[in-house]
Amino acid sequence: SNGNPIVFAVRQLDELNMQLVGANNQTTLDVDQRTGVNMLS
């Protein structure tokens, strides 16, 4: 009603995976490489 465009956000769902082999007490995974999304969960 104010003349502003009605815009919907896109809910993006995707997956990453990596193999864990043997004992390791510090596994690091890049969850996002600064792609410009708003991470929710």
Full PDB file with SEQRES, HELIX, SHEET, SSBOND, CRYST1, ORIGX, SCALE, CONECT and MASTER records, all heavy atoms in Angstrom:
SEQRES   1 A   41  SER ASN GLY ASN PRO ILE VAL PHE ALA VAL ARG GLN LEU          
SEQRES   2 A   41  ASP GLU LEU ASN MET GLN LEU VAL GLY ALA ASN ASN GLN          
SEQRES   3 A   41  THR THR LEU ASP VAL ASP GLN ARG THR GLY VAL ASN MET          
SEQRES   4 A   41  LEU SER                                                      
CRYST1    1.000    1.000    1.000  90.00  90.00  90.00 P 1           1          
ORIGX1      1.000000  0.000000  0.000000        0.00000                         
ORIGX2      0.000000  1.000000  0.000000        0.00000                         
ORIGX3      0.000000  0.000000  1.000000        0.00000                         
SCALE1      1.000000  0.000000  0.000000        0.00000                         
SCALE2      0.000000  1.000000  0.000000        0.00000                         
SCALE3      0.000000  0.000000  1.000000        0.00000                         
ATOM      1  N   SER A   1       0.816  -1.226   0.000  1.00  0.00           N  
ATOM      2  CA  SER A   1       0.000   0.000   0.000  1.00  0.00           C  
ATOM      3  C   SER A   1       0.844   1.268   0.000  1.00  0.00           C  
ATOM      4  O   SER A   1       0.343   2.350  -0.340  1.00  0.00           O  
ATOM      5  CB  SER A   1      -0.929  -0.004   1.220  1.00  0.00           C  
ATOM      6  OG  SER A   1      -0.182  -0.104   2.428  1.00  0.00           O  
ATOM      7  N   ASN A   2       2.116   1.155   0.391  1.00  0.00           N  
ATOM      8  CA  ASN A   2       3.018   2.312   0.384  1.00  0.00           C  
ATOM      9  C   ASN A   2       3.819   2.435  -0.911  1.00  0.00           C  
ATOM     10  O   ASN A   2       4.691   3.300  -1.031  1.00  0.00           O  
ATOM     11  CB  ASN A   2       3.988   2.233   1.570  1.00  0.00           C  
ATOM     12  CG  ASN A   2       3.281   2.308   2.909  1.00  0.00           C  
ATOM     13  OD1 ASN A   2       2.333   3.087   3.069  1.00  0.00           O  
ATOM     14  ND2 ASN A   2       3.716   1.495   3.854  1.00  0.00           N  
ATOM     15  N   GLY A   3       3.546   1.544  -1.849  1.00  0.00           N  
ATOM     16  CA  GLY A   3       4.252   1.594  -3.112  1.00  0.00           C  
ATOM     17  C   GLY A   3       5.587   0.887  -3.127  1.00  0.00           C  
ATOM     18  O   GLY A   3       6.330   0.984  -4.103  1.00  0.00           O  
ATOM     19  N   ASN A   4       5.889   0.165  -2.047  1.00  0.00           N  
ATOM     20  CA  ASN A   4       7.159  -0.555  -1.976  1.00  0.00           C  
ATOM     21  C   ASN A   4       7.001  -1.961  -2.567  1.00  0.00           C  
ATOM     22  O   ASN A   4       5.972  -2.612  -2.365  1.00  0.00           O  
ATOM     23  CB  ASN A   4       7.629  -0.669  -0.525  1.00  0.00           C  
ATOM     24  CG  ASN A   4       7.874   0.682   0.103  1.00  0.00           C  
ATOM     25  OD1 ASN A   4       8.475   1.557  -0.507  1.00  0.00           O  
ATOM     26  ND2 ASN A   4       7.398   0.866   1.336  1.00  0.00           N  
ATOM     27  N   PRO A   5       8.006  -2.444  -3.290  1.00  0.00           N  
ATOM     28  CA  PRO A   5       7.912  -3.793  -3.868  1.00  0.00           C  
ATOM     29  C   PRO A   5       7.759  -4.851  -2.780  1.00  0.00           C  
ATOM     30  O   PRO A   5       8.387  -4.769  -1.721  1.00  0.00           O  
ATOM     31  CB  PRO A   5       9.242  -3.951  -4.616  1.00  0.00           C  
ATOM     32  CG  PRO A   5       9.727  -2.567  -4.851  1.00  0.00           C  
ATOM     33  CD  PRO A   5       9.249  -1.755  -3.674  1.00  0.00           C  
ATOM     34  N   ILE A   6       6.920  -5.845  -3.032  1.00  0.00           N  
ATOM     35  CA  ILE A   6       6.756  -6.974  -2.123  1.00  0.00           C  
ATOM     36  C   ILE A   6       7.772  -8.040  -2.522  1.00  0.00           C  
ATOM     37  O   ILE A   6       7.701  -8.615  -3.624  1.00  0.00           O  
ATOM     38  CB  ILE A   6       5.332  -7.532  -2.176  1.00  0.00           C  
ATOM     39  CG1 ILE A   6       4.337  -6.484  -1.657  1.00  0.00           C  
ATOM     40  CG2 ILE A   6       5.219  -8.818  -1.358  1.00  0.00           C  
ATOM     41  CD1 ILE A   6       2.894  -6.917  -1.731  1.00  0.00           C  
ATOM     42  N   VAL A   7       8.730  -8.282  -1.642  1.00  0.00           N  
ATOM     43  CA  VAL A   7       9.844  -9.187  -1.935  1.00  0.00           C  
ATOM     44  C   VAL A   7       9.868 -10.305  -0.898  1.00  0.00           C  
ATOM     45  O   VAL A   7       9.712 -10.061   0.303  1.00  0.00           O  
ATOM     46  CB  VAL A   7      11.182  -8.427  -1.934  1.00  0.00           C  
ATOM     47  CG1 VAL A   7      12.332  -9.384  -2.224  1.00  0.00           C  
ATOM     48  CG2 VAL A   7      11.166  -7.296  -2.967  1.00  0.00           C  
ATOM     49  N   PHE A   8      10.071 -11.519  -1.353  1.00  0.00           N  
ATOM     50  CA  PHE A   8      10.202 -12.676  -0.469  1.00  0.00           C  
ATOM     51  C   PHE A   8      11.667 -13.099  -0.402  1.00  0.00           C  
ATOM     52  O   PHE A   8      12.373 -13.085  -1.414  1.00  0.00           O  
ATOM     53  CB  PHE A   8       9.370 -13.859  -0.975  1.00  0.00           C  
ATOM     54  CG  PHE A   8       7.892 -13.642  -0.933  1.00  0.00           C  
ATOM     55  CD1 PHE A   8       7.241 -13.071  -2.015  1.00  0.00           C  
ATOM     56  CD2 PHE A   8       7.155 -14.000   0.176  1.00  0.00           C  
ATOM     57  CE1 PHE A   8       5.876 -12.874  -1.996  1.00  0.00           C  
ATOM     58  CE2 PHE A   8       5.784 -13.804   0.215  1.00  0.00           C  
ATOM     59  CZ  PHE A   8       5.145 -13.238  -0.874  1.00  0.00           C  
ATOM     60  N   ALA A   9      12.108 -13.470   0.786  1.00  0.00           N  
ATOM     61  CA  ALA A   9      13.424 -14.096   0.911  1.00  0.00           C  
ATOM     62  C   ALA A   9      13.328 -15.545   0.446  1.00  0.00           C  
ATOM     63  O   ALA A   9      12.259 -16.158   0.485  1.00  0.00           O  
ATOM     64  CB  ALA A   9      13.906 -14.033   2.356  1.00  0.00           C  
ATOM     65  N   VAL A  10      14.435 -16.097   0.001  1.00  0.00           N  
ATOM     66  CA  VAL A  10      14.504 -17.502  -0.391  1.00  0.00           C  
ATOM     67  C   VAL A  10      15.093 -18.298   0.761  1.00  0.00           C  
ATOM     68  O   VAL A  10      16.169 -17.964   1.266  1.00  0.00           O  
ATOM     69  CB  VAL A  10      15.371 -17.680  -1.654  1.00  0.00           C  
ATOM     70  CG1 VAL A  10      15.649 -19.161  -1.907  1.00  0.00           C  
ATOM     71  CG2 VAL A  10      14.682 -17.069  -2.853  1.00  0.00           C  
ATOM     72  N   ARG A  11      14.395 -19.333   1.181  1.00  0.00           N  
ATOM     73  CA  ARG A  11      14.952 -20.247   2.173  1.00  0.00           C  
ATOM     74  C   ARG A  11      15.808 -21.276   1.440  1.00  0.00           C  
ATOM     75  O   ARG A  11      15.285 -22.130   0.722  1.00  0.00           O  
ATOM     76  CB  ARG A  11      13.842 -20.955   2.958  1.00  0.00           C  
ATOM     77  CG  ARG A  11      14.381 -21.868   4.059  1.00  0.00           C  
ATOM     78  CD  ARG A  11      13.321 -22.842   4.529  1.00  0.00           C  
ATOM     79  NE  ARG A  11      13.745 -23.541   5.743  1.00  0.00           N  
ATOM     80  CZ  ARG A  11      13.301 -24.741   6.104  1.00  0.00           C  
ATOM     81  NH1 ARG A  11      12.428 -25.381   5.352  1.00  0.00           N  
ATOM     82  NH2 ARG A  11      13.716 -25.307   7.213  1.00  0.00           N  
ATOM     83  N   GLN A  12      17.102 -21.179   1.616  1.00  0.00           N  
ATOM     84  CA  GLN A  12      18.017 -22.110   0.965  1.00  0.00           C  
ATOM     85  C   GLN A  12      18.366 -23.244   1.917  1.00  0.00           C  
ATOM     86  O   GLN A  12      18.742 -23.012   3.073  1.00  0.00           O  
ATOM     87  CB  GLN A  12      19.295 -21.394   0.531  1.00  0.00           C  
ATOM     88  CG  GLN A  12      20.332 -22.319  -0.084  1.00  0.00           C  
ATOM     89  CD  GLN A  12      21.530 -21.559  -0.610  1.00  0.00           C  
ATOM     90  OE1 GLN A  12      21.434 -20.736  -1.500  1.00  0.00           O  
ATOM     91  NE2 GLN A  12      22.698 -21.841  -0.036  1.00  0.00           N  
ATOM     92  N   LEU A  13      18.242 -24.464   1.424  1.00  0.00           N  
ATOM     93  CA  LEU A  13      18.643 -25.651   2.176  1.00  0.00           C  
ATOM     94  C   LEU A  13      19.601 -26.457   1.315  1.00  0.00           C  
ATOM     95  O   LEU A  13      19.272 -26.832   0.180  1.00  0.00           O  
ATOM     96  CB  LEU A  13      17.429 -26.518   2.539  1.00  0.00           C  
ATOM     97  CG  LEU A  13      16.597 -26.100   3.751  1.00  0.00           C  
ATOM     98  CD1 LEU A  13      15.358 -26.964   3.851  1.00  0.00           C  
ATOM     99  CD2 LEU A  13      17.415 -26.213   5.032  1.00  0.00           C  
ATOM    100  N   ASP A  14      20.798 -26.693   1.833  1.00  0.00           N  
ATOM    101  CA  ASP A  14      21.747 -27.538   1.135  1.00  0.00           C  
ATOM    102  C   ASP A  14      22.641 -28.227   2.149  1.00  0.00           C  
ATOM    103  O   ASP A  14      22.465 -28.056   3.364  1.00  0.00           O  
ATOM    104  CB  ASP A  14      22.557 -26.744   0.105  1.00  0.00           C  
ATOM    105  CG  ASP A  14      23.331 -25.586   0.728  1.00  0.00           C  
ATOM    106  OD1 ASP A  14      23.414 -25.516   1.965  1.00  0.00           O  
ATOM    107  OD2 ASP A  14      23.860 -24.747  -0.022  1.00  0.00           O  
ATOM    108  N   GLU A  15      23.600 -29.015   1.669  1.00  0.00           N  
ATOM    109  CA  GLU A  15      24.377 -29.868   2.564  1.00  0.00           C  
ATOM    110  C   GLU A  15      25.858 -29.895   2.196  1.00  0.00           C  
ATOM    111  O   GLU A  15      26.232 -29.754   1.024  1.00  0.00           O  
ATOM    112  CB  GLU A  15      23.835 -31.306   2.511  1.00  0.00           C  
ATOM    113  CG  GLU A  15      22.398 -31.432   2.969  1.00  0.00           C  
ATOM    114  CD  GLU A  15      21.780 -32.778   2.637  1.00  0.00           C  
ATOM    115  OE1 GLU A  15      22.473 -33.618   2.024  1.00  0.00           O  
ATOM    116  OE2 GLU A  15      20.605 -32.977   2.970  1.00  0.00           O  
ATOM    117  N   LEU A  16      26.674 -30.101   3.206  1.00  0.00           N  
ATOM    118  CA  LEU A  16      28.095 -30.372   3.058  1.00  0.00           C  
ATOM    119  C   LEU A  16      28.375 -31.717   3.717  1.00  0.00           C  
ATOM    120  O   LEU A  16      27.638 -32.150   4.607  1.00  0.00           O  
ATOM    121  CB  LEU A  16      28.939 -29.295   3.741  1.00  0.00           C  
ATOM    122  CG  LEU A  16      28.744 -27.841   3.306  1.00  0.00           C  
ATOM    123  CD1 LEU A  16      29.487 -26.923   4.277  1.00  0.00           C  
ATOM    124  CD2 LEU A  16      29.235 -27.631   1.891  1.00  0.00           C  
ATOM    125  N   ASN A  17      29.456 -32.378   3.300  1.00  0.00           N  
ATOM    126  CA  ASN A  17      29.859 -33.585   4.027  1.00  0.00           C  
ATOM    127  C   ASN A  17      31.360 -33.766   3.919  1.00  0.00           C  
ATOM    128  O   ASN A  17      32.006 -33.275   2.983  1.00  0.00           O  
ATOM    129  CB  ASN A  17      29.112 -34.825   3.521  1.00  0.00           C  
ATOM    130  CG  ASN A  17      29.470 -35.184   2.103  1.00  0.00           C  
ATOM    131  OD1 ASN A  17      30.542 -35.713   1.845  1.00  0.00           O  
ATOM    132  ND2 ASN A  17      28.581 -34.884   1.164  1.00  0.00           N  
ATOM    133  N   MET A  18      31.913 -34.451   4.899  1.00  0.00           N  
ATOM    134  CA  MET A  18      33.342 -34.756   4.899  1.00  0.00           C  
ATOM    135  C   MET A  18      33.574 -36.058   5.655  1.00  0.00           C  
ATOM    136  O   MET A  18      32.780 -36.449   6.528  1.00  0.00           O  
ATOM    137  CB  MET A  18      34.155 -33.619   5.543  1.00  0.00           C  
ATOM    138  CG  MET A  18      33.911 -33.434   7.034  1.00  0.00           C  
ATOM    139  SD  MET A  18      34.859 -32.054   7.739  1.00  0.00           S  
ATOM    140  CE  MET A  18      36.537 -32.558   7.418  1.00  0.00           C  
ATOM    141  N   GLN A  19      34.631 -36.764   5.297  1.00  0.00           N  
ATOM    142  CA  GLN A  19      34.972 -38.024   5.942  1.00  0.00           C  
ATOM    143  C   GLN A  19      35.837 -37.769   7.177  1.00  0.00           C  
ATOM    144  O   GLN A  19      36.760 -36.950   7.137  1.00  0.00           O  
ATOM    145  CB  GLN A  19      35.715 -38.937   4.975  1.00  0.00           C  
ATOM    146  CG  GLN A  19      34.903 -39.378   3.781  1.00  0.00           C  
ATOM    147  CD  GLN A  19      33.694 -40.192   4.167  1.00  0.00           C  
ATOM    148  OE1 GLN A  19      33.777 -41.111   4.992  1.00  0.00           O  
ATOM    149  NE2 GLN A  19      32.559 -39.869   3.589  1.00  0.00           N  
ATOM    150  N   LEU A  20      35.527 -38.461   8.261  1.00  0.00           N  
ATOM    151  CA  LEU A  20      36.334 -38.412   9.480  1.00  0.00           C  
ATOM    152  C   LEU A  20      37.013 -39.770   9.632  1.00  0.00           C  
ATOM    153  O   LEU A  20      36.345 -40.799   9.734  1.00  0.00           O  
ATOM    154  CB  LEU A  20      35.459 -38.128  10.702  1.00  0.00           C  
ATOM    155  CG  LEU A  20      34.621 -36.849  10.654  1.00  0.00           C  
ATOM    156  CD1 LEU A  20      33.767 -36.737  11.910  1.00  0.00           C  
ATOM    157  CD2 LEU A  20      35.503 -35.630  10.511  1.00  0.00           C  
ATOM    158  N   VAL A  21      38.319 -39.763   9.635  1.00  0.00           N  
ATOM    159  CA  VAL A  21      39.079 -41.020   9.676  1.00  0.00           C  
ATOM    160  C   VAL A  21      39.882 -41.077  10.958  1.00  0.00           C  
ATOM    161  O   VAL A  21      40.712 -40.204  11.227  1.00  0.00           O  
ATOM    162  CB  VAL A  21      40.013 -41.137   8.459  1.00  0.00           C  
ATOM    163  CG1 VAL A  21      40.783 -42.450   8.501  1.00  0.00           C  
ATOM    164  CG2 VAL A  21      39.212 -41.022   7.169  1.00  0.00           C  
ATOM    165  N   GLY A  22      39.635 -42.114  11.771  1.00  0.00           N  
ATOM    166  CA  GLY A  22      40.410 -42.323  12.987  1.00  0.00           C  
ATOM    167  C   GLY A  22      40.182 -41.249  14.030  1.00  0.00           C  
ATOM    168  O   GLY A  22      39.188 -40.533  14.026  1.00  0.00           O  
ATOM    169  N   ALA A  23      41.135 -41.144  14.955  1.00  0.00           N  
ATOM    170  CA  ALA A  23      41.010 -40.208  16.067  1.00  0.00           C  
ATOM    171  C   ALA A  23      41.420 -38.804  15.629  1.00  0.00           C  
ATOM    172  O   ALA A  23      42.411 -38.620  14.934  1.00  0.00           O  
ATOM    173  CB  ALA A  23      41.873 -40.655  17.234  1.00  0.00           C  
ATOM    174  N   ASN A  24      40.672 -37.824  16.041  1.00  0.00           N  
ATOM    175  CA  ASN A  24      40.974 -36.429  15.715  1.00  0.00           C  
ATOM    176  C   ASN A  24      40.222 -35.562  16.704  1.00  0.00           C  
ATOM    177  O   ASN A  24      39.006 -35.658  16.817  1.00  0.00           O  
ATOM    178  CB  ASN A  24      40.534 -36.111  14.288  1.00  0.00           C  
ATOM    179  CG  ASN A  24      40.966 -34.723  13.847  1.00  0.00           C  
ATOM    180  OD1 ASN A  24      41.325 -33.878  14.660  1.00  0.00           O  
ATOM    181  ND2 ASN A  24      40.926 -34.478  12.554  1.00  0.00           N  
ATOM    182  N   ASN A  25      40.931 -34.711  17.424  1.00  0.00           N  
ATOM    183  CA  ASN A  25      40.254 -33.904  18.425  1.00  0.00           C  
ATOM    184  C   ASN A  25      40.046 -32.460  17.974  1.00  0.00           C  
ATOM    185  O   ASN A  25      39.731 -31.598  18.781  1.00  0.00           O  
ATOM    186  CB  ASN A  25      41.021 -33.926  19.761  1.00  0.00           C  
ATOM    187  CG  ASN A  25      42.379 -33.242  19.641  1.00  0.00           C  
ATOM    188  OD1 ASN A  25      42.826 -32.887  18.559  1.00  0.00           O  
ATOM    189  ND2 ASN A  25      43.029 -33.078  20.781  1.00  0.00           N  
ATOM    190  N   GLN A  26      40.248 -32.191  16.678  1.00  0.00           N  
ATOM    191  CA  GLN A  26      39.971 -30.845  16.192  1.00  0.00           C  
ATOM    192  C   GLN A  26      39.711 -30.886  14.683  1.00  0.00           C  
ATOM    193  O   GLN A  26      40.597 -30.653  13.869  1.00  0.00           O  
ATOM    194  CB  GLN A  26      41.119 -29.883  16.481  1.00  0.00           C  
ATOM    195  CG  GLN A  26      40.778 -28.429  16.190  1.00  0.00           C  
ATOM    196  CD  GLN A  26      39.670 -27.898  17.089  1.00  0.00           C  
ATOM    197  OE1 GLN A  26      39.879 -27.460  18.197  1.00  0.00           O  
ATOM    198  NE2 GLN A  26      38.444 -27.963  16.587  1.00  0.00           N  
ATOM    199  N   THR A  27      38.476 -31.222  14.322  1.00  0.00           N  
ATOM    200  CA  THR A  27      38.080 -31.219  12.916  1.00  0.00           C  
ATOM    201  C   THR A  27      37.490 -29.856  12.574  1.00  0.00           C  
ATOM    202  O   THR A  27      36.647 -29.335  13.302  1.00  0.00           O  
ATOM    203  CB  THR A  27      37.039 -32.321  12.647  1.00  0.00           C  
ATOM    204  OG1 THR A  27      37.652 -33.595  12.847  1.00  0.00           O  
ATOM    205  CG2 THR A  27      36.504 -32.240  11.225  1.00  0.00           C  
ATOM    206  N   THR A  28      37.944 -29.291  11.455  1.00  0.00           N  
ATOM    207  CA  THR A  28      37.467 -27.977  11.024  1.00  0.00           C  
ATOM    208  C   THR A  28      36.791 -28.096   9.669  1.00  0.00           C  
ATOM    209  O   THR A  28      37.327 -28.719   8.755  1.00  0.00           O  
ATOM    210  CB  THR A  28      38.636 -26.973  10.926  1.00  0.00           C  
ATOM    211  OG1 THR A  28      39.274 -26.868  12.201  1.00  0.00           O  
ATOM    212  CG2 THR A  28      38.127 -25.599  10.512  1.00  0.00           C  
ATOM    213  N   LEU A  29      35.608 -27.504   9.549  1.00  0.00           N  
ATOM    214  CA  LEU A  29      34.856 -27.524   8.298  1.00  0.00           C  
ATOM    215  C   LEU A  29      34.422 -26.098   7.965  1.00  0.00           C  
ATOM    216  O   LEU A  29      33.829 -25.410   8.799  1.00  0.00           O  
ATOM    217  CB  LEU A  29      33.621 -28.425   8.430  1.00  0.00           C  
ATOM    218  CG  LEU A  29      32.664 -28.460   7.231  1.00  0.00           C  
ATOM    219  CD1 LEU A  29      33.352 -29.082   6.017  1.00  0.00           C  
ATOM    220  CD2 LEU A  29      31.393 -29.219   7.570  1.00  0.00           C  
ATOM    221  N   ASP A  30      34.739 -25.639   6.759  1.00  0.00           N  
ATOM    222  CA  ASP A  30      34.244 -24.344   6.288  1.00  0.00           C  
ATOM    223  C   ASP A  30      32.757 -24.481   5.986  1.00  0.00           C  
ATOM    224  O   ASP A  30      32.364 -25.096   4.992  1.00  0.00           O  
ATOM    225  CB  ASP A  30      34.994 -23.908   5.030  1.00  0.00           C  
ATOM    226  CG  ASP A  30      36.311 -23.207   5.342  1.00  0.00           C  
ATOM    227  OD1 ASP A  30      36.568 -22.958   6.525  1.00  0.00           O  
ATOM    228  OD2 ASP A  30      37.075 -22.929   4.413  1.00  0.00           O  
ATOM    229  N   VAL A  31      31.933 -23.900   6.855  1.00  0.00           N  
ATOM    230  CA  VAL A  31      30.487 -23.979   6.683  1.00  0.00           C  
ATOM    231  C   VAL A  31      30.022 -23.038   5.573  1.00  0.00           C  
ATOM    232  O   VAL A  31      29.091 -23.342   4.825  1.00  0.00           O  
ATOM    233  CB  VAL A  31      29.773 -23.648   8.014  1.00  0.00           C  
ATOM    234  CG1 VAL A  31      28.271 -23.596   7.827  1.00  0.00           C  
ATOM    235  CG2 VAL A  31      30.130 -24.695   9.060  1.00  0.00           C  
ATOM    236  N   ASP A  32      30.670 -21.878   5.444  1.00  0.00           N  
ATOM    237  CA  ASP A  32      30.316 -20.943   4.388  1.00  0.00           C  
ATOM    238  C   ASP A  32      31.534 -20.091   4.042  1.00  0.00           C  
ATOM    239  O   ASP A  32      32.250 -19.630   4.938  1.00  0.00           O  
ATOM    240  CB  ASP A  32      29.154 -20.039   4.813  1.00  0.00           C  
ATOM    241  CG  ASP A  32      28.626 -19.220   3.646  1.00  0.00           C  
ATOM    242  OD1 ASP A  32      29.155 -18.136   3.373  1.00  0.00           O  
ATOM    243  OD2 ASP A  32      27.672 -19.687   3.004  1.00  0.00           O  
ATOM    244  N   GLN A  33      31.750 -19.901   2.776  1.00  0.00           N  
ATOM    245  CA  GLN A  33      32.900 -19.130   2.313  1.00  0.00           C  
ATOM    246  C   GLN A  33      32.463 -17.730   1.888  1.00  0.00           C  
ATOM    247  O   GLN A  33      32.668 -17.310   0.753  1.00  0.00           O  
ATOM    248  CB  GLN A  33      33.599 -19.865   1.171  1.00  0.00           C  
ATOM    249  CG  GLN A  33      34.178 -21.201   1.597  1.00  0.00           C  
ATOM    250  CD  GLN A  33      34.896 -21.924   0.476  1.00  0.00           C  
ATOM    251  OE1 GLN A  33      34.619 -21.707  -0.691  1.00  0.00           O  
ATOM    252  NE2 GLN A  33      35.845 -22.785   0.832  1.00  0.00           N  
ATOM    253  N   ARG A  34      31.822 -17.044   2.816  1.00  0.00           N  
ATOM    254  CA  ARG A  34      31.372 -15.659   2.631  1.00  0.00           C  
ATOM    255  C   ARG A  34      30.569 -15.471   1.343  1.00  0.00           C  
ATOM    256  O   ARG A  34      30.860 -14.625   0.504  1.00  0.00           O  
ATOM    257  CB  ARG A  34      32.577 -14.715   2.673  1.00  0.00           C  
ATOM    258  CG  ARG A  34      33.183 -14.608   4.063  1.00  0.00           C  
ATOM    259  CD  ARG A  34      34.466 -13.817   4.066  1.00  0.00           C  
ATOM    260  NE  ARG A  34      35.573 -14.631   3.571  1.00  0.00           N  
ATOM    261  CZ  ARG A  34      36.830 -14.210   3.488  1.00  0.00           C  
ATOM    262  NH1 ARG A  34      37.123 -12.982   3.853  1.00  0.00           N  
ATOM    263  NH2 ARG A  34      37.781 -14.993   3.048  1.00  0.00           N  
ATOM    264  N   THR A  35      29.534 -16.301   1.201  1.00  0.00           N  
ATOM    265  CA  THR A  35      28.720 -16.277  -0.012  1.00  0.00           C  
ATOM    266  C   THR A  35      27.652 -15.195   0.020  1.00  0.00           C  
ATOM    267  O   THR A  35      26.956 -14.997  -0.968  1.00  0.00           O  
ATOM    268  CB  THR A  35      28.040 -17.634  -0.232  1.00  0.00           C  
ATOM    269  OG1 THR A  35      27.252 -17.963   0.928  1.00  0.00           O  
ATOM    270  CG2 THR A  35      29.071 -18.722  -0.458  1.00  0.00           C  
ATOM    271  N   GLY A  36      27.459 -14.523   1.150  1.00  0.00           N  
ATOM    272  CA  GLY A  36      26.481 -13.455   1.216  1.00  0.00           C  
ATOM    273  C   GLY A  36      25.093 -13.888   1.633  1.00  0.00           C  
ATOM    274  O   GLY A  36      24.123 -13.144   1.459  1.00  0.00           O  
ATOM    275  N   VAL A  37      24.959 -15.098   2.204  1.00  0.00           N  
ATOM    276  CA  VAL A  37      23.667 -15.537   2.716  1.00  0.00           C  
ATOM    277  C   VAL A  37      23.542 -15.129   4.189  1.00  0.00           C  
ATOM    278  O   VAL A  37      24.524 -14.753   4.827  1.00  0.00           O  
ATOM    279  CB  VAL A  37      23.497 -17.069   2.594  1.00  0.00           C  
ATOM    280  CG1 VAL A  37      23.631 -17.511   1.154  1.00  0.00           C  
ATOM    281  CG2 VAL A  37      24.497 -17.804   3.469  1.00  0.00           C  
ATOM    282  N   ASN A  38      22.334 -15.222   4.706  1.00  0.00           N  
ATOM    283  CA  ASN A  38      22.099 -14.995   6.132  1.00  0.00           C  
ATOM    284  C   ASN A  38      21.868 -16.366   6.763  1.00  0.00           C  
ATOM    285  O   ASN A  38      20.794 -16.956   6.600  1.00  0.00           O  
ATOM    286  CB  ASN A  38      20.888 -14.078   6.351  1.00  0.00           C  
ATOM    287  CG  ASN A  38      20.721 -13.683   7.796  1.00  0.00           C  
ATOM    288  OD1 ASN A  38      21.688 -13.606   8.552  1.00  0.00           O  
ATOM    289  ND2 ASN A  38      19.494 -13.419   8.208  1.00  0.00           N  
ATOM    290  N   MET A  39      22.892 -16.904   7.435  1.00  0.00           N  
ATOM    291  CA  MET A  39      22.825 -18.255   7.980  1.00  0.00           C  
ATOM    292  C   MET A  39      21.873 -18.300   9.169  1.00  0.00           C  
ATOM    293  O   MET A  39      21.989 -17.511  10.102  1.00  0.00           O  
ATOM    294  CB  MET A  39      24.221 -18.714   8.403  1.00  0.00           C  
ATOM    295  CG  MET A  39      24.332 -20.198   8.668  1.00  0.00           C  
ATOM    296  SD  MET A  39      24.177 -21.202   7.180  1.00  0.00           S  
ATOM    297  CE  MET A  39      25.625 -20.701   6.252  1.00  0.00           C  
ATOM    298  N   LEU A  40      20.909 -19.246   9.125  1.00  0.00           N  
ATOM    299  CA  LEU A  40      19.894 -19.341  10.173  1.00  0.00           C  
ATOM    300  C   LEU A  40      20.110 -20.526  11.106  1.00  0.00           C  
ATOM    301  O   LEU A  40      19.950 -20.405  12.313  1.00  0.00           O  
ATOM    302  CB  LEU A  40      18.494 -19.445   9.548  1.00  0.00           C  
ATOM    303  CG  LEU A  40      18.070 -18.330   8.607  1.00  0.00           C  
ATOM    304  CD1 LEU A  40      16.643 -18.560   8.146  1.00  0.00           C  
ATOM    305  CD2 LEU A  40      18.214 -16.964   9.249  1.00  0.00           C  
ATOM    306  N   SER A  41      20.434 -21.684  10.561  1.00  0.00           N  
ATOM    307  CA  SER A  41      20.587 -22.868  11.408  1.00  0.00           C  
ATOM    308  C   SER A  41      21.460 -23.890  10.709  1.00  0.00           C  
ATOM    309  O   SER A  41      21.634 -23.864   9.481  1.00  0.00           O  
ATOM    310  CB  SER A  41      19.228 -23.486  11.757  1.00  0.00           C  
ATOM    311  OG  SER A  41      18.646 -24.095  10.615  1.00  0.00           O  
TER     312      SER A  41                                                      
MASTER        0    0    0    0    0    0    0    6  311    1    0    4          
END                                                                             
